[in-house]
Protein backbone atom coordinates (compact mmCIF):
# COMPACT_ATOMS: atom_id res chain seq x y z
CA MET A 1 0.00 0.00 0.00
CA SER A 2 1.24 3.48 -0.85
CA GLU A 3 2.37 5.53 2.15
CA GLN A 4 -0.17 8.25 1.36
CA TYR A 5 -3.11 5.88 1.98
CA LYS A 6 -1.83 4.43 5.26
CA ALA A 7 -3.08 5.27 8.73
CA LEU A 8 -0.63 7.39 10.76
CA HIS A 9 0.44 4.46 12.95
CA GLU A 10 1.48 2.53 9.81
CA LEU A 11 3.77 5.21 8.35
CA SER A 12 7.52 4.66 8.14
CA ALA A 13 9.95 6.71 10.20
CA PRO A 14 11.27 8.72 7.20
CA THR A 15 7.68 9.45 6.12
CA LEU A 16 6.79 10.65 9.62
CA ILE A 17 9.80 12.97 9.74
CA GLU A 18 8.97 14.41 6.32
CA GLY A 19 5.35 14.86 7.38
CA TYR A 20 6.39 16.75 10.51
CA ARG A 21 8.70 18.93 8.44
CA ARG A 22 5.86 19.76 6.04
CA ARG A 23 3.39 20.17 8.96
CA GLU A 24 1.03 17.65 7.36
CA PHE A 25 0.41 16.05 10.77
CA SER A 26 1.90 16.28 14.25
CA PRO A 27 3.67 13.90 16.66
CA VAL A 28 0.61 14.14 18.92
CA GLU A 29 -1.67 12.91 16.14
CA VAL A 30 0.72 10.07 15.33
CA VAL A 31 1.05 8.91 18.93
CA GLN A 32 -2.73 9.10 19.36
CA SER A 33 -3.07 6.87 16.28
CA VAL A 34 -0.51 4.38 17.64
CA LEU A 35 -2.17 4.30 21.06
CA GLY A 36 -5.59 3.76 19.49
CA HIS A 37 -4.25 0.89 17.39
CA ILE A 38 -2.56 -0.63 20.45
CA GLU A 39 -5.88 -0.44 22.31
CA ARG A 40 -7.52 -2.53 19.58
CA TRP A 41 -4.72 -5.12 19.44
CA GLU A 42 -3.03 -5.39 22.81
CA HIS A 43 -5.58 -7.47 24.73
CA HIS A 44 -5.04 -10.13 22.06
CA LEU A 45 -1.24 -9.90 21.76
CA HIS A 46 0.17 -8.96 25.20
CA ALA A 47 3.26 -7.51 23.52
CA LEU A 48 3.83 -4.55 25.85
CA TYR A 49 5.19 -3.73 29.29
CA LEU A 50 4.98 -0.26 30.89
CA LEU A 51 2.45 1.12 28.44
CA ARG A 52 1.87 4.65 29.78
CA PRO A 53 -0.26 6.61 27.31
CA GLU A 54 -0.10 9.96 29.10
CA LEU A 55 3.71 9.81 29.29
CA ALA A 56 3.88 9.01 25.57
CA LEU A 57 1.54 11.88 24.78
CA GLN A 58 3.62 14.29 26.85
CA GLN A 59 6.70 13.31 24.85
CA ALA A 60 4.66 13.89 21.70
CA ARG A 61 3.61 17.35 22.84
CA ASP A 62 7.24 18.22 23.60
CA SER A 63 8.24 16.99 20.13
CA GLU A 64 5.44 18.97 18.49
CA ALA A 65 6.70 22.14 20.20
CA ARG A 66 10.22 21.53 18.90
CA TRP A 67 8.95 21.03 15.34
CA LEU A 68 6.90 24.23 15.58
CA ARG A 69 10.08 26.05 16.61
CA GLY A 70 11.95 24.45 13.72
CA ALA A 71 14.34 22.78 16.15
CA PRO A 72 13.91 18.99 16.08
CA LEU A 73 16.41 17.04 18.18
CA GLY A 74 17.35 14.54 15.49
CA PRO A 75 16.18 11.96 12.96
CA LEU A 76 13.73 10.31 15.37
CA ASP A 77 12.02 13.40 16.75
CA GLY A 78 8.37 12.51 17.20
CA VAL A 79 8.75 8.92 15.95
CA PRO A 80 7.14 6.23 18.17
CA VAL A 81 9.57 3.60 19.47
CA THR A 82 9.40 0.54 21.70
CA LEU A 83 12.32 -0.96 23.63
CA LYS A 84 12.66 -4.50 24.93
CA ASP A 85 12.18 -5.11 28.66
CA ASN A 86 15.93 -5.83 29.12
CA ILE A 87 17.06 -2.45 27.69
CA ALA A 88 17.26 -0.25 30.77
CA THR A 89 15.26 2.99 30.87
CA GLN A 90 16.04 5.35 33.72
CA GLY A 91 13.64 5.11 36.65
CA ASP A 92 11.86 2.00 35.36
CA PRO A 93 12.10 -1.52 36.79
CA MET A 94 13.62 -4.15 34.49
CA PRO A 95 12.10 -7.56 35.27
CA LEU A 96 13.99 -9.45 32.53
CA GLY A 97 10.81 -11.37 31.85
CA THR A 98 10.81 -13.20 35.17
CA ALA A 99 8.78 -12.89 38.37
CA ALA A 100 12.00 -13.69 40.27
CA THR A 101 13.49 -10.24 39.67
CA GLU A 102 13.27 -7.51 42.30
CA LEU A 103 11.60 -4.51 40.66
CA THR A 104 14.10 -1.76 41.38
CA PRO A 105 14.29 1.36 39.17
CA ALA A 106 17.12 1.40 36.63
CA PRO A 107 19.67 4.14 37.48
CA MET A 108 20.21 5.22 33.85
CA ASP A 109 19.27 4.56 30.26
CA ALA A 110 21.09 1.76 28.46
CA PRO A 111 22.84 2.92 25.27
CA PRO A 112 19.98 2.19 22.81
CA ALA A 113 17.54 4.04 25.06
CA ALA A 114 19.92 6.97 25.50
CA ARG A 115 20.55 7.26 21.74
CA MET A 116 16.83 7.03 21.02
CA ARG A 117 15.93 9.79 23.48
CA ALA A 118 18.77 12.07 22.32
CA ALA A 119 17.39 11.82 18.77
CA GLY A 120 13.87 12.76 19.92
CA GLY A 121 12.26 9.33 19.74
CA ILE A 122 9.04 8.81 21.69
CA LEU A 123 9.11 5.79 23.99
CA VAL A 124 5.59 4.41 23.70
CA ALA A 125 6.23 1.30 25.81
CA LYS A 126 8.66 -1.47 26.66
CA THR A 127 8.10 -4.92 25.10
CA THR A 128 7.82 -8.35 26.65
CA MET A 129 10.32 -11.19 26.84
CA PRO A 130 10.54 -14.67 28.41
CA ASP A 131 12.37 -15.39 31.67
CA TYR A 132 15.95 -14.07 31.42
CA GLY A 133 15.61 -14.07 27.62
CA MET A 134 16.41 -17.77 27.56
CA LEU A 135 13.47 -18.93 25.40
CA SER A 136 12.51 -18.43 21.77
CA SER A 137 8.90 -17.81 22.76
CA GLY A 138 6.71 -15.30 24.57
CA LEU A 139 6.21 -17.51 27.64
CA SER A 140 7.09 -15.61 30.82
CA SER A 141 6.52 -15.90 34.57
CA PHE A 142 6.19 -12.09 34.75
CA HIS A 143 4.50 -10.93 31.54
CA LYS A 144 1.26 -12.24 30.09
CA LEU A 145 1.71 -14.77 27.28
CA SER A 146 2.67 -12.92 24.08
CA ARG A 147 1.08 -14.07 20.85
CA ASN A 148 1.71 -13.82 17.11
CA PRO A 149 -0.47 -11.34 15.14
CA TRP A 150 -0.57 -13.71 12.15
CA ASN A 151 -2.11 -16.49 14.27
CA LEU A 152 -2.99 -15.86 17.90
CA GLY A 153 -2.54 -19.55 18.66
CA CYS A 154 1.16 -19.27 17.76
CA THR A 155 4.19 -17.74 19.44
CA PRO A 156 5.75 -14.53 18.10
CA GLY A 157 9.11 -16.11 18.92
CA GLY A 158 11.68 -14.80 21.35
CA SER A 159 13.34 -13.68 23.26
CA SER A 160 12.39 -10.36 21.60
CA ALA A 161 8.81 -11.62 21.70
CA GLY A 162 6.84 -8.44 22.27
CA ALA A 163 9.00 -6.47 19.84
CA GLY A 164 8.33 -8.93 17.02
CA ALA A 165 4.60 -8.94 17.71
CA ALA A 166 4.47 -5.14 18.06
CA ALA A 167 6.25 -4.55 14.75
CA ALA A 168 4.03 -6.99 12.85
CA ALA A 169 0.89 -5.56 14.47
CA GLY A 170 1.81 -1.99 13.55
CA TYR A 171 2.56 -0.45 16.95
CA GLY A 172 4.52 2.30 15.19
CA PRO A 173 7.55 1.87 12.91
CA LEU A 174 10.56 1.31 15.20
CA HIS A 175 11.28 -1.39 17.78
CA VAL A 176 14.50 -2.53 19.47
CA GLY A 177 15.27 -6.11 20.51
CA THR A 178 18.37 -8.06 21.53
CA ASP A 179 19.95 -11.27 20.29
CA ILE A 180 22.49 -13.74 21.70
CA GLY A 181 21.56 -16.84 19.68
CA GLY A 182 18.70 -15.71 17.45
CA SER A 183 16.48 -13.57 19.65
CA LEU A 184 16.08 -10.82 17.03
CA ARG A 185 15.95 -13.00 13.93
CA LEU A 186 13.69 -15.81 15.17
CA PRO A 187 10.77 -13.54 16.13
CA ALA A 188 11.39 -11.49 12.98
CA GLY A 189 11.15 -14.64 10.88
CA TRP A 190 8.06 -15.93 12.63
CA CYS A 191 6.32 -12.52 12.57
CA GLY A 192 7.18 -11.70 8.95
CA ILE A 193 9.15 -8.53 9.73
CA PHE A 194 12.72 -7.37 9.09
CA THR A 195 15.59 -7.23 11.54
CA LEU A 196 19.34 -6.75 11.48
CA LYS A 197 21.51 -8.42 14.09
CA PRO A 198 24.52 -6.19 13.57
CA SER A 199 28.21 -7.03 13.82
CA LEU A 200 29.11 -7.43 17.47
CA GLY A 201 29.75 -3.99 18.94
CA ARG A 202 28.16 -2.03 16.07
CA ILE A 203 25.25 -0.98 18.28
CA PRO A 204 26.55 -0.27 21.81
CA ILE A 205 24.81 -2.15 24.61
CA ASP A 206 25.20 -2.41 28.37
CA PRO A 207 25.92 -4.93 29.70
CA PRO A 208 27.90 -6.44 26.80
CA TYR A 209 28.29 -10.21 26.60
CA THR A 210 29.76 -12.73 24.17
CA GLY A 211 27.57 -12.76 21.07
CA ARG A 212 25.02 -10.28 22.47
CA ALA A 213 23.69 -7.61 20.13
CA ALA A 214 20.84 -5.11 20.06
CA GLY A 215 19.12 -4.38 16.79
CA PRO A 216 16.18 -2.74 15.02
CA MET A 217 12.96 -4.67 14.37
CA THR A 218 10.77 -3.08 11.70
CA ARG A 219 8.34 -3.83 8.90
CA SER A 220 10.78 -2.64 6.22
CA VAL A 221 14.49 -2.50 5.50
CA ALA A 222 14.20 1.28 5.10
CA ASP A 223 13.04 1.75 8.69
CA SER A 224 15.86 -0.38 10.08
CA ALA A 225 18.40 1.55 8.02
CA TRP A 226 16.93 4.84 9.29
CA PHE A 227 17.14 3.58 12.88
CA MET A 228 20.77 2.47 12.48
CA GLN A 229 21.96 6.08 12.06
CA VAL A 230 20.94 6.57 15.71
CA LEU A 231 21.50 3.15 17.30
CA ALA A 232 25.05 2.82 15.95
CA LEU A 233 26.31 6.01 17.59
CA PRO A 234 29.12 5.29 20.10
CA ASP A 235 28.82 4.73 23.84
CA ALA A 236 31.87 4.16 26.05
CA ARG A 237 29.95 1.81 28.36
CA ASP A 238 30.15 -1.02 25.81
CA SER A 239 33.57 -2.58 26.40
CA MET A 240 33.07 -4.69 23.26
CA GLY A 241 32.01 -1.75 21.09
CA LEU A 242 33.54 -1.22 17.67
CA PRO A 243 35.38 1.99 16.84
CA PHE A 244 32.76 4.40 15.52
CA GLN A 245 32.37 4.48 11.75
CA ASP A 246 30.37 7.14 9.93
CA ILE A 247 28.51 4.61 7.78
CA ALA A 248 26.24 5.96 5.04
CA TRP A 249 23.12 4.16 6.25
CA ASN A 250 21.07 6.22 3.77
CA LYS A 251 22.80 4.25 0.99
CA PHE A 252 20.94 1.06 2.01
CA ASP A 253 18.92 1.09 -1.23
CA ALA A 254 21.51 0.18 -3.84
CA GLY A 255 18.83 -1.43 -6.00
CA VAL A 256 18.68 -4.90 -7.51
CA GLU A 257 21.99 -4.12 -9.27
CA LYS A 258 23.65 -4.79 -5.90
CA LEU A 259 23.05 -8.52 -6.49
CA ARG A 260 24.76 -8.79 -9.87
CA GLY A 261 27.85 -10.97 -9.63
CA LEU A 262 27.63 -11.53 -5.87
CA ARG A 263 28.82 -14.89 -4.59
CA ILE A 264 26.02 -16.19 -2.38
CA GLY A 265 26.21 -19.38 -0.36
CA LEU A 266 22.97 -21.35 0.06
CA LEU A 267 22.84 -23.16 3.40
CA LEU A 268 19.83 -25.48 3.60
CA GLU A 269 20.93 -27.68 6.49
CA ALA A 270 22.29 -26.40 9.78
CA GLY A 271 24.22 -29.56 10.64
CA CYS A 272 22.55 -29.79 14.05
CA GLY A 273 19.18 -29.56 15.71
CA LEU A 274 15.80 -29.89 14.06
CA ALA A 275 15.42 -30.85 10.41
CA VAL A 276 14.22 -28.10 8.06
CA GLU A 277 10.51 -28.47 7.36
CA PRO A 278 9.63 -28.89 3.65
CA GLU A 279 7.66 -25.63 3.36
CA VAL A 280 10.55 -23.68 4.87
CA ARG A 281 13.07 -25.32 2.57
CA ALA A 282 10.91 -24.66 -0.50
CA ALA A 283 10.55 -20.96 0.37
CA VAL A 284 14.31 -20.53 0.83
CA GLU A 285 15.07 -22.40 -2.41
CA HIS A 286 12.62 -20.11 -4.21
CA ALA A 287 14.43 -17.09 -2.73
CA ALA A 288 17.72 -18.51 -4.02
CA ARG A 289 16.27 -18.72 -7.54
CA LEU A 290 15.19 -15.08 -7.31
CA PHE A 291 18.76 -14.12 -6.37
CA GLU A 292 20.07 -16.08 -9.36
CA ARG A 293 17.63 -14.40 -11.75
CA ALA A 294 18.89 -11.05 -10.48
CA GLY A 295 22.45 -11.97 -11.43
CA ALA A 296 23.91 -13.44 -8.25
CA VAL A 297 25.98 -16.62 -8.34
CA VAL A 298 24.38 -18.99 -5.82
CA ALA A 299 26.28 -22.08 -4.70
CA PRO A 300 25.25 -24.75 -2.17
CA MET A 301 27.08 -24.86 1.16
CA GLN A 302 27.80 -27.88 3.30
CA PRO A 303 26.67 -27.65 6.93
CA PHE A 304 29.43 -26.40 9.22
CA MET A 305 27.76 -26.52 12.62
CA THR A 306 27.80 -29.75 14.62
CA GLN A 307 25.58 -31.07 17.39
CA ALA A 308 28.62 -30.93 19.69
CA MET A 309 28.92 -27.17 19.08
CA LEU A 310 25.25 -26.56 19.78
CA ASP A 311 25.26 -28.80 22.85
CA GLY A 312 28.41 -27.18 24.21
CA MET A 313 26.93 -23.69 24.04
CA ASP A 314 23.69 -24.99 25.53
CA HIS A 315 25.51 -26.61 28.46
CA PHE A 316 27.59 -23.52 29.18
CA TRP A 317 24.47 -21.34 29.22
CA ARG A 318 22.82 -23.88 31.53
CA MET A 319 25.70 -23.50 33.96
CA ARG A 320 25.47 -19.72 33.77
CA SER A 321 21.77 -19.87 34.59
CA TYR A 322 22.33 -22.45 37.32
CA VAL A 323 24.87 -20.14 38.99
CA ASP A 324 22.54 -17.13 38.62
CA MET A 325 19.56 -18.98 40.06
CA LYS A 326 21.60 -20.54 42.86
CA ALA A 327 22.34 -16.99 44.07
CA LEU A 328 18.61 -16.27 44.45
CA PRO A 329 16.76 -16.82 47.73
CA PRO A 330 14.69 -20.03 47.42
CA GLU A 331 11.39 -18.14 47.42
CA ARG A 332 12.52 -16.05 44.44
CA LYS A 333 14.00 -18.97 42.50
CA ALA A 334 10.64 -20.72 42.88
CA LYS A 335 9.09 -17.93 40.79
CA VAL A 336 11.27 -18.67 37.74
CA LEU A 337 9.48 -20.48 34.92
CA PRO A 338 9.71 -24.24 35.74
CA TYR A 339 11.13 -25.00 32.29
CA ILE A 340 14.02 -22.59 32.92
CA GLN A 341 14.56 -24.01 36.43
CA GLN A 342 14.80 -27.53 35.01
CA TRP A 343 17.16 -26.40 32.28
CA GLY A 344 19.52 -24.58 34.64
CA ASP A 345 19.40 -27.19 37.40
CA SER A 346 20.44 -29.87 34.89
CA ALA A 347 23.96 -28.33 35.05
CA ALA A 348 24.30 -28.93 38.82
CA GLY A 349 26.54 -31.96 38.40
CA MET A 350 28.81 -30.58 35.67
CA ALA A 351 32.50 -30.82 36.59
CA GLY A 352 35.05 -28.14 35.75
CA GLU A 353 36.43 -30.10 32.81
CA ALA A 354 32.96 -30.45 31.31
CA VAL A 355 32.31 -26.72 31.69
CA PHE A 356 35.62 -25.92 29.99
CA LYS A 357 34.83 -28.27 27.09
CA ALA A 358 31.38 -26.73 26.76
CA ALA A 359 32.80 -23.19 26.75
CA SER A 360 35.35 -24.15 24.07
CA GLN A 361 32.48 -24.73 21.62
CA PHE A 362 31.87 -21.00 21.36
CA HIS A 363 35.27 -20.53 19.74
CA ALA A 364 34.93 -23.71 17.68
CA THR A 365 31.66 -22.33 16.32
CA ARG A 366 33.29 -19.01 15.52
CA VAL A 367 36.16 -20.60 13.59
CA ALA A 368 33.89 -22.97 11.67
CA THR A 369 31.50 -20.16 10.70
CA VAL A 370 34.21 -17.80 9.47
CA ASN A 371 35.89 -20.57 7.48
CA ALA A 372 32.62 -21.69 5.88
CA CYS A 373 31.66 -18.15 4.86
CA ARG A 374 35.06 -17.13 3.50
CA ALA A 375 34.26 -18.16 -0.08
CA PHE A 376 31.09 -16.05 -0.25
CA ASP A 377 30.05 -12.43 -0.12
CA TYR A 378 26.81 -13.37 1.63
CA VAL A 379 25.12 -16.51 2.92
CA ILE A 380 21.38 -17.18 2.77
CA SER A 381 19.55 -19.80 4.81
CA PRO A 382 16.33 -20.38 6.68
CA THR A 383 16.11 -18.20 9.77
CA SER A 384 14.56 -21.17 11.57
CA PRO A 385 14.03 -24.77 10.49
CA VAL A 386 10.38 -24.55 11.56
CA PRO A 387 7.58 -21.96 11.42
CA ALA A 388 6.04 -20.43 14.54
CA PHE A 389 4.88 -23.06 17.03
CA ALA A 390 2.14 -23.09 19.68
CA ALA A 391 2.12 -19.92 21.81
CA ALA A 392 2.11 -21.71 25.18
CA LEU A 393 5.19 -23.84 24.44
CA PRO A 394 8.59 -22.64 25.69
CA SER A 395 10.39 -24.11 22.65
CA PRO A 396 9.54 -26.19 19.57
CA THR A 397 10.65 -29.40 21.32
CA ASN A 398 9.02 -28.52 24.68
CA ASP A 399 11.98 -30.34 26.23
CA PRO A 400 14.30 -28.49 28.68
CA LEU A 401 17.07 -30.98 27.83
CA ARG A 402 16.73 -30.18 24.08
CA PRO A 403 15.88 -26.49 24.27
CA LEU A 404 17.98 -24.98 21.45
CA GLU A 405 17.37 -27.36 18.57
CA HIS A 406 15.93 -24.54 16.44
CA ILE A 407 18.85 -22.04 16.60
CA GLY A 408 21.36 -23.91 14.41
CA PHE A 409 21.12 -21.32 11.61
CA THR A 410 21.18 -18.21 13.79
CA VAL A 411 23.62 -18.82 16.67
CA PRO A 412 26.79 -19.27 14.56
CA PHE A 413 26.64 -15.64 13.42
CA ASN A 414 26.48 -14.41 17.01
CA MET A 415 29.70 -16.23 17.76
CA SER A 416 31.45 -15.16 14.54
CA GLU A 417 30.33 -11.54 15.14
CA GLN A 418 28.99 -11.32 11.57
CA PRO A 419 25.93 -9.24 10.68
CA ALA A 420 22.84 -11.29 9.86
CA ALA A 421 19.34 -10.20 8.94
CA SER A 422 15.96 -11.92 8.69
CA ILE A 423 13.43 -10.95 6.02
CA ASN A 424 10.18 -12.58 5.02
CA CYS A 425 10.46 -14.89 2.00
CA GLY A 426 7.12 -16.69 1.92
CA TYR A 427 4.28 -18.26 3.86
CA THR A 428 3.25 -21.71 4.98
CA GLY A 429 0.03 -23.29 3.82
CA ASP A 430 -1.48 -22.04 7.07
CA GLY A 431 -0.42 -18.47 6.33
CA LEU A 432 2.51 -18.23 8.75
CA PRO A 433 5.53 -16.17 7.62
CA ILE A 434 8.84 -17.86 6.71
CA GLY A 435 12.09 -16.03 7.41
CA LEU A 436 15.14 -15.88 5.14
CA GLN A 437 18.42 -15.19 6.93
CA ILE A 438 21.01 -13.09 5.05
CA ALA A 439 24.48 -13.06 6.64
CA GLY A 440 27.47 -11.01 5.56
CA GLN A 441 31.15 -10.76 6.31
CA ARG A 442 32.09 -9.17 9.63
CA PHE A 443 31.57 -5.38 9.66
CA ASP A 444 29.55 -5.43 6.41
CA ASP A 445 26.32 -4.32 8.08
CA LEU A 446 25.47 -1.88 5.29
CA GLY A 447 26.01 -4.58 2.67
CA VAL A 448 23.57 -6.90 4.45
CA LEU A 449 21.00 -4.09 4.47
CA GLN A 450 21.59 -3.51 0.75
CA VAL A 451 21.18 -7.20 -0.13
CA ALA A 452 18.06 -7.39 2.05
CA ARG A 453 16.64 -4.31 0.32
CA ALA A 454 17.35 -5.83 -3.09
CA PHE A 455 15.53 -9.00 -2.03
CA GLU A 456 12.66 -6.89 -0.70
CA ILE A 457 12.30 -5.54 -4.25
CA ILE A 458 12.45 -8.91 -6.07
CA ARG A 459 10.51 -11.13 -3.66
CA ASP A 460 6.94 -12.19 -4.32
CA PRO A 461 4.12 -9.80 -3.32
CA GLN A 462 3.56 -9.74 0.43
CA ARG A 463 0.27 -10.43 2.14
CA PRO A 464 -1.46 -7.59 3.99
CA TRP A 465 -0.30 -7.09 7.57
CA PRO A 466 -2.58 -8.73 10.13
CA GLN A 467 -5.29 -6.60 11.69
CA PRO A 468 -6.95 -6.80 15.11
CA PRO A 469 -9.52 -9.63 15.03
CA SER A 470 -12.52 -7.30 15.32
CA GLU A 471 -11.30 -5.32 12.29
CA ALA A 472 -9.93 -8.11 10.12
CA LEU A 473 -13.13 -8.54 8.11
CA HIS A 474 -13.41 -4.82 7.39
CA HIS A 475 -9.80 -4.08 6.44
CA VAL A 476 -9.02 -3.14 2.86
CA ASP A 477 -5.34 -3.10 1.91
C-alpha cells in the first residue's frame, strides 16, 4: 500500500519525519493513532510492558513544540519507538521477563535508550520477553503470554517476543530487541518482519556479553536503516564496542543491481538440531532462484555446525543460569518459569572439565562459521528450520534438555560476530511467515541491508499485515 493511503500508525519513520517537516500532521496525532491501534490489538497480543499513554503523549507534545520552533532534536524526533524489557530505561524496573526479579528502578538509560531519546524518539512502551531471555517464545513468569499477530494460537518467537509482535501488528515503525543466539531474527522470521543483528559492537549495549547484540525490528528495510543512524552512535559503556564508523546508512537502497555478480552461499541444512521443514526449505530455495535471476551466483554450502557445538553452548548457558539462580533466595528462584529451572538445574553436576569443554564450543563455532563463509560475499539460509509453534510452548521441542534445537542457523553468526538479517520470503500453507536469513562478512552491516533491500524488491508480493480480530473482516489493503 502506498504511504499516502496508510493510517498514521502505519507510516515509516522517514515518512513521519517528512510529514512533521511539512506540517502535514503532528507527533501528537501520530502517537494518538498508535495508542488507538494498540488499544484494539493489545488485549489479544500482550506484547507490551509499561504502556503509559499519558507519558507518551507528553513526549509527543514536547516533540510537536520543537517542530513548531523548527528545532527537532534529530532523525527520530516525534517517531514512536518501543524498547525491549531488558534495555534499561532510567527510573523504570527491568524484570527481565521473570517474576523472580526484584523490581528496582534502573539508574540510567542503556545505550539504545539513550541514543533514542537524544534523537527525539518517543518511547511508547517497553516490550515483553521470556524469563531471562532464555526462550525463543513469549512464555514468561512475569509478563502475560505474548502471541503472534498472524495467528494468535502461535508464538511470536523470542526472546524479543513483544517487539516482534508489536512490529508486525503496527505499533509504530521502530522497535528494538536483543539477540544472543537468534532472539532478534527468530521472532522477525516468525512474525514476517525485518531485523538486522549487527556485527558485534556495532550498536553499543550495556551490559555487553559474548555474542550479544541489540538491533532494530521493523516492517521494512528502510526503517531499520533509518534507525541504524541513531542506534550505531558510540557509547563508552560497551567494552566490546567497535570503533565508531560514519557509515552511510542512507545508501541502504543500492537497487537490484547490488546482487549482480555476488557470490552467495545457500545453506539449507544447519548440521545440528531440528530438520528443516519442507515448506521452509521450499521458500528458501525459491528465494535462491530469485537471487540467481537477479544476477547473483548462488552455490550450495555444506553444513558447518555440529551437534557438539550446539550442545556445548547450551551446556555452558545452563551453567550460567544455574549459577545465577543458585544466588537467588529459594522463594525467588521458585518464581522462575519451571522449564528454565529444570534447564539450569540440569547443570548442577557438571565438573570443571565439562564446563571448559562446553565453553570451548563457542570458539569452535566461531572458527567454523568464518571458514565456511570465507568463499562467499553473503550466505542465505532459513532463519529457523520450523515456522512459529504453539504460543504456550517454551520451545519447539518442549523439552528443557533439548531447548535450542531450532537455533542452528542463527547462533553461529552471534559467535562469529557477523551481521545477519531476517526478512520474510514466503508463507506456509497455514499463512505463517517464513524467514530468510542473510548473513554477511564481519563489519559489512550496510552490505547486508543492501542485499536485504534488493531482495525486498524482487521477492513475491507480500500479504497484507494482520489486523486486530474485530477489524480483520473490514480491512481493505
